[in-house]
Protein backbone atom coordinates (compact mmCIF):
# COMPACT_ATOMS: atom_id res chain seq x y z
CA PHE A 1 0.00 0.00 0.00
CA GLY A 2 1.67 3.24 -1.09
CA TYR A 3 0.84 5.70 1.68
CA PRO A 4 2.70 8.79 0.33
CA SER A 5 1.17 8.59 -3.15
CA SER A 6 -2.31 8.14 -1.63
CA ALA A 7 -1.59 11.04 0.73
CA ARG A 8 -1.64 13.48 -2.18
CA CYS A 9 -5.43 13.42 -2.00
CA GLY A 10 -5.05 14.63 1.60
CA SER A 11 -7.96 12.79 3.17
CA GLY A 12 -9.35 9.37 3.91
CA ARG A 13 -8.59 6.44 6.15
CA TYR A 14 -7.26 3.09 5.01
CA TYR A 15 -6.80 -0.23 6.78
CA TYR A 16 -5.45 -3.66 5.94
CA GLU A 17 -4.57 -6.84 7.83
CA LEU A 18 -1.85 -9.40 7.30
CA GLU A 19 -2.51 -12.91 8.57
CA LEU A 20 0.55 -14.87 9.67
CA TYR A 21 0.58 -18.63 10.14
CA GLY A 22 3.32 -20.38 12.14
CA LYS A 23 6.75 -18.85 12.72
CA ALA A 24 7.02 -15.75 10.56
CA GLY A 25 10.69 -14.81 11.12
CA ALA A 26 10.48 -11.16 12.31
CA PRO A 27 8.18 -9.73 9.65
CA GLN A 28 8.30 -5.97 9.14
CA VAL A 29 4.75 -5.04 8.17
CA GLY A 30 3.76 -1.54 7.14
CA LEU A 31 3.76 0.91 4.26
CA VAL A 32 6.17 1.98 1.53
CA SER A 33 6.24 4.96 -0.80
CA GLU A 34 6.38 4.72 -4.57
CA ASP A 35 10.17 5.34 -4.32
CA PHE A 36 10.76 2.07 -2.43
CA GLU A 37 12.84 -0.40 -4.46
CA GLN A 38 12.26 -4.09 -3.91
CA LEU A 39 15.55 -5.90 -4.30
CA VAL A 40 14.74 -9.27 -5.84
CA GLY A 41 17.26 -12.11 -5.86
CA VAL A 42 19.70 -10.73 -3.29
CA GLN A 43 20.62 -12.46 -0.04
CA LYS A 44 19.67 -9.58 2.26
CA PRO A 45 17.08 -7.36 0.58
CA GLU A 46 15.94 -4.14 2.15
CA GLY A 47 12.61 -4.53 3.87
CA VAL A 48 9.79 -2.23 4.84
CA GLY A 49 11.22 0.41 7.17
CA ASP A 50 14.84 -0.35 6.30
CA ASP A 51 15.11 2.81 4.18
CA CYS A 52 13.55 6.28 4.21
CA TYR A 53 10.72 5.08 1.92
CA GLY A 54 9.08 2.71 4.42
CA TRP A 55 7.40 2.65 7.83
CA ALA A 56 6.97 -0.69 9.58
CA LEU A 57 6.21 -2.66 12.70
CA ASP A 58 8.27 -5.70 13.70
CA ALA A 59 5.83 -7.20 16.19
CA GLU A 60 8.16 -10.09 17.07
CA HIS A 61 10.80 -7.71 18.47
CA VAL A 62 8.25 -4.98 19.39
CA GLU A 63 9.99 -2.35 17.26
CA LEU A 64 8.98 0.33 14.79
CA TRP A 65 11.25 0.80 11.74
CA HIS A 66 11.87 3.82 9.51
CA ALA A 67 15.04 4.81 7.61
CA GLY A 68 16.84 1.75 9.00
CA VAL A 69 16.36 2.89 12.60
CA ALA A 70 14.42 0.85 15.15
CA SER A 71 12.53 2.38 18.05
CA CYS A 72 10.54 0.78 20.85
CA TRP A 73 6.84 0.17 20.31
CA GLY A 74 4.57 -0.13 23.31
CA GLY A 75 2.00 -2.41 21.69
CA GLY A 76 1.50 -6.16 21.61
CA THR A 77 3.89 -8.82 20.44
CA LEU A 78 3.48 -11.91 18.29
CA LYS A 79 3.02 -15.16 20.19
CA ALA A 80 5.79 -17.70 19.62
CA GLU A 81 3.61 -20.74 19.00
CA SER A 82 0.37 -19.38 17.60
CA LYS A 83 -1.26 -20.93 14.52
CA LYS A 84 -2.78 -17.68 13.24
CA GLN A 85 -1.86 -14.10 14.10
CA VAL A 86 -3.03 -10.83 12.59
CA ILE A 87 -1.16 -7.55 12.19
CA GLY A 88 -3.37 -4.56 11.36
CA VAL A 89 -2.18 -1.36 9.68
CA ALA A 90 -4.34 1.77 9.63
CA VAL A 91 -3.57 5.13 8.01
CA ASP A 92 -5.33 8.42 8.68
CA LEU A 93 -4.34 10.78 5.86
CA ALA A 94 -5.89 13.90 7.40
CA GLU A 95 -3.92 13.40 10.63
CA ARG A 96 -0.92 11.88 8.76
CA GLU A 97 -0.72 8.99 11.24
CA VAL A 98 -0.03 5.27 10.94
CA TRP A 99 -1.45 2.90 13.57
CA PHE A 100 -0.67 -0.79 14.19
CA SER A 101 -2.47 -3.63 15.95
CA VAL A 102 -1.47 -7.15 16.87
CA ASN A 103 -4.19 -9.78 17.14
CA GLY A 104 -6.89 -7.09 17.34
CA ILE A 105 -5.24 -5.05 20.11
CA TRP A 106 -4.38 -1.48 19.14
CA HIS A 107 -1.67 0.57 20.82
CA ASP A 108 -2.99 3.82 22.33
CA GLU A 109 -0.55 5.96 20.29
CA PRO A 110 0.13 6.05 16.55
CA GLY A 111 3.29 4.31 15.39
CA PHE A 112 4.18 7.20 13.08
């Protein structure tokens, strides 16, 4: 979902969920701009939040990522042995905020 290109319209709210099954391996779930480059076929590709074109939550390590810098997130964490888990991402364009949830529980502050 390209948040910055959608932000040009200046209004609206968007939401999506990612369902994870089994061990996910520290997924960084979030949003990227149209300038993000996916590096295919390399051993260590940049992920969401690893450059200045992405904003992400790593719910396994309870960290927010942007421009390759991690910061603490006060929300929920993924369960180690859960069959199904859900990460939610919500964007409020008018307020220019990104919110995250883990298994239906929202943090009381926006991630970005």
